Amino acid sequence: MRIRTEIKKKLKTCAFSLFGNPLRINWRIRKINEKNLLTIINLHKVSFYDDSSYKALNPEILRNLILFLKKNFEITSFYEINKMNKSKNIKSSKPKVIISFDDGYKNFITEAHPVLAEFKVRANQNLIPKCVDTNKPPLNIALQDFVGKNNRNIFQDIVIPGYEWDKNLNKIQEGIRLSKYIKNQTCKIQQELEKNIIDQIGQDLYKFSTPMMDIFDIKKIFSFYDWGAHSYSHSNMNEENNSFFKNDLKLCDDWFQKNLGIKPIIYAFPNGSYNQKNLILAKKAGYKFLLLVENKFSNTNSSIHPRFNFYAETNSEMRFKTLGSFASLT
């Protein structure tokens, strides 16, 4: 198993080096600019390895990402695009890129903020109000942390209704699989699963969890970034009804106005899960930028923005993914 993993790792490194060669990089950058495409890079955790089965972006890779973007792109923000669209002044000699973070982990202020501030990069951070208030990550993330930081005989003793542990998977694979199972449930079912797990292991569920930023952390760096909502409690909106979603929009709006004194205009759908009615309702509620995932390029004139889910272990992988991997340039 270890030999197979090493072979895959080497093949992966060779592939990223091949597709991240200077000729292809320059060609992709030129085409992205010619087509006036907007690249939105979606990040989450930034930290050194902490044993979680949810891999975080190494801070050094983030630094090299910023250096690469500064050289080849115009780093902008949603608020800046909003201003440019109003003035009709959106042309640039370089393609535009936005750096967008989801969830609001504590390592954003401890690891990402120093790098972003050093290079004067105004990123977007999308918060989950419930996670800010409770200082607990979403259930699927807590479980990925728990799986990665505990022995198999500990986490496989937990009975999770509807889920079967797979002894053939390593901890990274098991954590990803479990996370996918959890986040594709409704909010109500997730609450029931959380209660069921806590009944078995108590607050040990959150003992190993990645800390979240609290309101004091956010206020310290508030002026540096564009802040958006990532739903009130990280719910999968395609699994919920319209009433649930409308209430979620109101909860987010109320929380942002009460705690940060702003009317949020950015809404990032958790897990990229949404339906067309969600988009209509969010626009009606005053959200100007609706963020999806979909791993496609966007454009500055749209209010609905696909993003590239971003993670890289090497600089060659970082460059390859920054340029949209194999995404269409049309």
Protein backbone atom coordinates (compact mmCIF):
# COMPACT_ATOMS: atom_id res chain seq x y z
CA MET A 1 0.00 0.00 0.00
CA ARG A 2 2.81 2.44 0.93
CA ILE A 3 4.71 1.67 -2.32
CA ARG A 4 1.54 2.23 -4.37
CA THR A 5 0.94 5.54 -2.61
CA GLU A 6 4.51 6.69 -3.30
CA ILE A 7 4.19 5.77 -6.98
CA LYS A 8 0.94 7.71 -7.28
CA LYS A 9 2.54 10.68 -5.57
CA LYS A 10 5.49 10.68 -7.98
CA LEU A 11 3.22 10.34 -11.02
CA LYS A 12 1.11 13.20 -9.73
CA THR A 13 4.20 15.39 -9.27
CA CYS A 14 5.38 14.61 -12.82
CA ALA A 15 1.96 15.41 -14.26
CA PHE A 16 1.76 18.78 -12.50
CA SER A 17 5.28 19.64 -13.65
CA LEU A 18 4.38 18.73 -17.23
CA PHE A 19 1.13 20.72 -17.34
CA GLY A 20 2.62 23.54 -15.29
CA ASN A 21 5.48 24.23 -17.65
CA PRO A 22 6.25 27.90 -18.53
CA LEU A 23 4.90 27.65 -22.10
CA ARG A 24 1.53 26.36 -20.97
CA ILE A 25 1.41 28.84 -18.08
CA ASN A 26 2.00 31.81 -20.38
CA TRP A 27 -0.49 30.51 -22.92
CA ARG A 28 -3.23 29.99 -20.31
CA ILE A 29 -2.65 33.43 -18.77
CA ARG A 30 -2.86 35.09 -22.18
CA LYS A 31 -6.07 33.25 -23.10
CA ILE A 32 -7.70 33.96 -19.73
CA ASN A 33 -7.02 37.66 -20.25
CA GLU A 34 -8.15 37.66 -23.90
CA LYS A 35 -11.46 36.06 -22.92
CA ASN A 36 -11.82 38.54 -20.02
CA LEU A 37 -12.38 35.65 -17.61
CA LEU A 38 -12.47 36.11 -13.85
CA THR A 39 -10.65 33.49 -11.78
CA ILE A 40 -11.98 32.95 -8.25
CA ILE A 41 -9.85 30.68 -6.07
CA ASN A 42 -11.71 29.07 -3.18
CA LEU A 43 -9.61 28.17 -0.12
CA HIS A 44 -10.47 26.85 3.32
CA LYS A 45 -7.93 25.87 5.99
CA VAL A 46 -4.40 27.30 5.95
CA SER A 47 -2.03 25.67 8.41
CA PHE A 48 0.85 23.27 8.82
CA TYR A 49 -0.06 19.58 8.97
CA ASP A 50 -2.10 18.83 12.08
CA ASP A 51 -3.09 15.15 11.55
CA SER A 52 -6.65 16.00 10.50
CA SER A 53 -8.01 14.00 7.58
CA TYR A 54 -9.10 17.38 6.18
CA LYS A 55 -5.87 18.60 4.58
CA ALA A 56 -5.00 22.27 5.02
CA LEU A 57 -3.06 24.45 2.61
CA ASN A 58 0.51 24.93 3.82
CA PRO A 59 1.20 28.63 4.58
CA GLU A 60 4.32 28.49 2.38
CA ILE A 61 2.20 27.36 -0.57
CA LEU A 62 -0.14 30.26 0.15
CA ARG A 63 2.81 32.67 0.09
CA ASN A 64 4.00 31.27 -3.25
CA LEU A 65 0.45 31.44 -4.58
CA ILE A 66 0.27 35.15 -3.74
CA LEU A 67 3.66 35.76 -5.39
CA PHE A 68 2.52 33.92 -8.52
CA LEU A 69 -0.74 35.88 -8.64
CA LYS A 70 0.98 39.22 -8.04
CA LYS A 71 3.24 38.56 -11.00
CA ASN A 72 0.64 37.27 -13.47
CA PHE A 73 -2.77 38.57 -12.36
CA GLU A 74 -4.52 41.64 -11.05
CA ILE A 75 -5.73 40.61 -7.61
CA THR A 76 -9.08 42.26 -7.00
CA SER A 77 -12.14 41.83 -4.75
CA PHE A 78 -15.90 41.58 -5.04
CA TYR A 79 -16.36 45.08 -3.65
CA GLU A 80 -13.81 46.44 -6.15
CA ILE A 81 -15.60 44.68 -9.01
CA ASN A 82 -18.86 46.19 -7.79
CA LYS A 83 -17.28 49.65 -8.03
CA MET A 84 -15.73 48.95 -11.45
CA ASN A 85 -19.01 47.70 -12.89
CA LYS A 86 -20.74 50.88 -11.79
CA SER A 87 -18.05 53.02 -13.43
CA LYS A 88 -17.83 50.69 -16.48
CA ASN A 89 -14.06 50.55 -15.97
CA ILE A 90 -13.14 46.86 -15.88
CA LYS A 91 -10.34 46.54 -18.43
CA SER A 92 -6.86 45.53 -17.33
CA SER A 93 -3.54 44.47 -18.84
CA LYS A 94 -3.67 41.34 -16.67
CA PRO A 95 -6.45 38.82 -15.99
CA LYS A 96 -8.37 39.41 -12.77
CA VAL A 97 -8.40 37.03 -9.83
CA ILE A 98 -10.22 36.96 -6.48
CA ILE A 99 -9.08 34.94 -3.47
CA SER A 100 -12.09 33.61 -1.57
CA PHE A 101 -12.03 31.76 1.77
CA ASP A 102 -14.90 29.77 3.28
CA ASP A 103 -15.83 28.77 6.85
CA GLY A 104 -13.85 31.22 9.02
CA TYR A 105 -11.23 29.01 10.63
CA LYS A 106 -8.98 30.45 13.35
CA ASN A 107 -5.97 29.73 11.17
CA PHE A 108 -7.19 32.42 8.79
CA ILE A 109 -6.14 35.08 11.29
CA THR A 110 -3.04 33.23 12.54
CA GLU A 111 -1.62 31.88 9.27
CA ALA A 112 -3.34 33.43 6.23
CA HIS A 113 -3.83 37.02 7.40
CA PRO A 114 -0.11 37.75 7.96
CA VAL A 115 0.67 36.68 4.38
CA LEU A 116 -2.30 38.50 2.85
CA ALA A 117 -1.57 41.67 4.84
CA GLU A 118 2.11 41.60 3.90
CA PHE A 119 1.21 41.70 0.21
CA LYS A 120 -1.80 44.00 0.73
CA VAL A 121 -4.22 41.44 -0.70
CA ARG A 122 -7.91 42.06 -0.03
CA ALA A 123 -9.47 38.60 0.03
CA ASN A 124 -13.04 37.47 0.66
CA GLN A 125 -13.90 35.50 3.81
CA ASN A 126 -17.32 33.83 4.11
CA LEU A 127 -18.42 33.17 7.67
CA ILE A 128 -20.79 30.66 9.24
CA PRO A 129 -22.45 32.68 12.04
CA LYS A 130 -23.33 29.64 14.14
CA CYS A 131 -19.70 28.48 14.01
CA VAL A 132 -18.47 31.93 15.07
CA ASP A 133 -20.84 31.94 18.05
CA THR A 134 -20.15 28.36 19.19
CA ASN A 135 -16.46 28.20 18.17
CA LYS A 136 -17.20 24.78 16.68
CA PRO A 137 -16.71 23.84 13.01
CA PRO A 138 -19.46 22.20 10.94
CA LEU A 139 -20.14 18.59 11.92
CA ASN A 140 -18.51 17.11 8.81
CA ILE A 141 -15.27 19.02 9.53
CA ALA A 142 -15.31 18.04 13.21
CA LEU A 143 -15.57 14.41 12.18
CA GLN A 144 -12.72 14.73 9.68
CA ASP A 145 -10.60 16.17 12.48
CA PHE A 146 -11.67 13.37 14.83
CA VAL A 147 -10.94 10.60 12.32
CA GLY A 148 -7.53 11.99 11.44
CA LYS A 149 -6.39 12.56 15.03
CA ASN A 150 -7.54 9.27 16.55
CA ASN A 151 -6.75 5.59 16.15
CA ARG A 152 -9.00 3.53 13.92
CA ASN A 153 -10.23 1.39 16.82
CA ILE A 154 -11.56 4.56 18.48
CA PHE A 155 -13.49 6.17 15.64
CA GLN A 156 -14.77 2.91 14.12
CA ASP A 157 -16.52 2.11 17.41
CA ILE A 158 -18.82 5.08 16.80
CA VAL A 159 -22.16 4.04 15.32
CA ILE A 160 -23.35 6.56 12.73
CA PRO A 161 -26.85 5.76 11.37
CA GLY A 162 -26.73 5.15 7.63
CA TYR A 163 -22.93 5.01 7.49
CA GLU A 164 -20.62 1.98 7.41
CA TRP A 165 -16.91 2.29 8.14
CA ASP A 166 -14.60 0.92 5.46
CA LYS A 167 -11.50 -0.83 6.84
CA ASN A 168 -9.87 -0.77 3.40
CA LEU A 169 -9.57 3.02 3.43
CA ASN A 170 -6.81 5.02 5.07
CA LYS A 171 -7.78 7.80 7.49
CA ILE A 172 -7.65 10.54 4.86
CA GLN A 173 -9.96 8.59 2.54
CA GLU A 174 -12.32 7.60 5.36
CA GLY A 175 -12.54 11.20 6.57
CA ILE A 176 -13.39 12.50 3.10
CA ARG A 177 -16.00 9.79 2.59
CA LEU A 178 -17.61 10.42 5.98
CA SER A 179 -17.58 14.19 5.41
CA LYS A 180 -19.39 13.75 2.10
CA TYR A 181 -22.02 11.56 3.77
CA ILE A 182 -22.64 14.10 6.55
CA LYS A 183 -22.77 17.27 4.46
CA ASN A 184 -25.27 15.75 2.01
CA GLN A 185 -27.85 15.41 4.80
CA THR A 186 -30.46 18.00 5.74
CA CYS A 187 -29.81 20.32 8.68
CA LYS A 188 -32.32 18.38 10.78
CA ILE A 189 -30.65 15.03 10.09
CA GLN A 190 -27.20 16.49 10.79
CA GLN A 191 -28.45 17.73 14.17
CA GLU A 192 -29.78 14.24 14.93
CA LEU A 193 -26.48 12.65 13.89
CA GLU A 194 -24.55 15.10 16.06
CA LYS A 195 -26.73 14.27 19.08
CA ASN A 196 -26.31 10.56 18.41
CA ILE A 197 -22.51 10.84 18.26
CA ILE A 198 -22.31 13.03 21.37
CA ASP A 199 -24.45 10.48 23.23
CA GLN A 200 -21.69 7.96 22.46
CA ILE A 201 -18.48 9.95 22.99
CA GLY A 202 -19.58 13.22 24.62
CA GLN A 203 -17.70 16.43 23.84
CA ASP A 204 -14.69 14.41 22.67
CA LEU A 205 -16.33 14.94 19.28
CA TYR A 206 -15.11 18.54 19.39
CA LYS A 207 -11.98 18.01 21.50
CA PHE A 208 -9.85 17.62 18.36
CA SER A 209 -11.67 20.18 16.22
CA THR A 210 -10.08 22.97 14.22
CA PRO A 211 -10.84 26.23 16.11
CA MET A 212 -12.99 28.87 14.44
CA MET A 213 -12.51 32.63 14.53
CA ASP A 214 -14.63 34.33 17.17
CA ILE A 215 -16.20 37.76 16.78
CA PHE A 216 -13.18 39.44 18.42
CA ASP A 217 -10.82 37.86 15.87
CA ILE A 218 -13.04 39.04 13.03
CA LYS A 219 -13.24 42.60 14.32
CA LYS A 220 -9.43 42.79 14.55
CA ILE A 221 -9.08 42.24 10.80
CA PHE A 222 -12.50 43.43 9.68
CA SER A 223 -11.26 46.35 7.53
CA PHE A 224 -8.85 44.17 5.55
CA TYR A 225 -11.39 41.92 3.81
CA ASP A 226 -14.73 41.51 2.05
CA TRP A 227 -17.00 39.54 4.38
CA GLY A 228 -19.78 37.27 3.22
CA ALA A 229 -22.22 34.69 4.58
CA HIS A 230 -21.61 30.97 4.14
CA SER A 231 -25.14 30.16 5.35
CA TYR A 232 -26.08 30.40 9.01
CA SER A 233 -25.07 26.83 9.96
CA HIS A 234 -23.43 25.34 6.85
CA SER A 235 -26.57 23.69 5.52
CA ASN A 236 -26.81 21.90 2.20
CA MET A 237 -29.38 24.14 0.49
CA ASN A 238 -30.35 21.76 -2.30
CA GLU A 239 -31.64 19.43 0.43
CA GLU A 240 -33.74 22.11 2.13
CA ASN A 241 -37.05 23.75 1.20
CA ASN A 242 -37.63 27.40 0.25
CA SER A 243 -38.85 28.37 3.72
CA PHE A 244 -35.66 27.05 5.29
CA PHE A 245 -33.52 28.98 2.82
CA LYS A 246 -35.43 32.25 3.26
CA ASN A 247 -35.05 31.92 7.02
CA ASP A 248 -31.33 31.19 6.59
CA LEU A 249 -30.91 34.42 4.58
CA LYS A 250 -32.69 36.37 7.31
CA LEU A 251 -30.62 34.79 10.09
CA CYS A 252 -27.42 35.70 8.25
CA ASP A 253 -28.61 39.23 7.57
CA ASP A 254 -29.60 39.78 11.21
CA TRP A 255 -26.33 38.33 12.52
CA PHE A 256 -24.10 40.45 10.27
CA GLN A 257 -25.99 43.64 11.04
CA LYS A 258 -26.00 42.97 14.80
CA ASN A 259 -22.38 41.82 15.13
CA LEU A 260 -20.54 43.62 12.32
CA GLY A 261 -22.84 46.48 11.43
CA ILE A 262 -23.07 45.60 7.75
CA LYS A 263 -25.64 44.32 5.32
CA PRO A 264 -23.97 41.28 3.71
CA ILE A 265 -23.99 41.26 -0.10
CA ILE A 266 -21.95 38.06 -0.60
CA TYR A 267 -23.48 34.62 -0.08
CA ALA A 268 -21.39 31.48 -0.61
CA PHE A 269 -23.45 28.30 -0.87
CA PRO A 270 -22.07 25.55 1.40
CA ASN A 271 -20.68 22.59 -0.54
CA GLY A 272 -21.66 24.39 -3.76
CA SER A 273 -25.16 23.03 -3.20
CA TYR A 274 -28.04 25.16 -4.48
CA ASN A 275 -31.02 25.26 -6.83
CA GLN A 276 -32.35 27.95 -9.17
CA LYS A 277 -34.99 29.10 -6.66
CA ASN A 278 -32.21 29.74 -4.12
CA LEU A 279 -30.52 32.12 -6.56
CA ILE A 280 -33.76 34.06 -7.11
CA LEU A 281 -34.49 34.32 -3.39
CA ALA A 282 -30.93 35.39 -2.52
CA LYS A 283 -30.96 38.15 -5.14
CA LYS A 284 -34.34 39.32 -3.88
CA ALA A 285 -32.88 39.45 -0.34
CA GLY A 286 -30.19 41.88 -1.55
CA TYR A 287 -27.22 39.59 -2.12
CA LYS A 288 -25.22 40.89 -5.10
CA PHE A 289 -22.61 38.13 -5.30
CA LEU A 290 -23.69 34.49 -5.15
CA LEU A 291 -20.73 32.14 -4.88
CA LEU A 292 -20.81 28.55 -6.09
CA VAL A 293 -17.98 26.06 -6.66
CA GLU A 294 -18.29 24.20 -10.01
CA ASN A 295 -14.58 24.65 -10.86
CA LYS A 296 -15.19 27.01 -13.77
CA PHE A 297 -14.13 30.52 -14.69
CA SER A 298 -16.48 33.42 -14.00
CA ASN A 299 -16.72 36.96 -15.38
CA THR A 300 -16.89 40.41 -13.85
CA ASN A 301 -20.38 41.20 -15.17
CA SER A 302 -22.15 38.32 -13.45
CA SER A 303 -23.82 38.16 -10.05
CA ILE A 304 -23.45 34.36 -9.93
CA HIS A 305 -19.85 33.24 -9.61
CA PRO A 306 -18.41 29.73 -9.95
CA ARG A 307 -15.14 29.25 -8.07
CA PHE A 308 -12.23 26.84 -8.25
CA ASN A 309 -11.97 24.68 -5.15
CA PHE A 310 -8.28 25.01 -4.32
CA TYR A 311 -5.75 22.80 -2.60
CA ALA A 312 -2.13 22.13 -3.56
CA GLU A 313 0.79 20.26 -2.00
CA THR A 314 3.51 21.54 -4.35
CA ASN A 315 4.23 24.75 -6.24
CA SER A 316 3.76 23.01 -9.60
CA GLU A 317 0.32 21.82 -8.48
CA MET A 318 -0.43 25.33 -7.23
CA ARG A 319 0.40 26.91 -10.61
CA PHE A 320 -1.56 24.28 -12.52
CA LYS A 321 -4.69 24.72 -10.40
CA THR A 322 -4.40 28.53 -10.26
CA LEU A 323 -4.81 28.54 -14.04
CA GLY A 324 -8.00 26.49 -13.84
CA SER A 325 -6.48 23.03 -14.31
CA PHE A 326 -8.20 21.77 -17.48
CA ALA A 327 -11.23 24.10 -17.25
CA SER A 328 -12.58 25.44 -20.52
CA LEU A 329 -11.39 28.89 -21.59
CA THR A 330 -14.64 29.81 -23.33
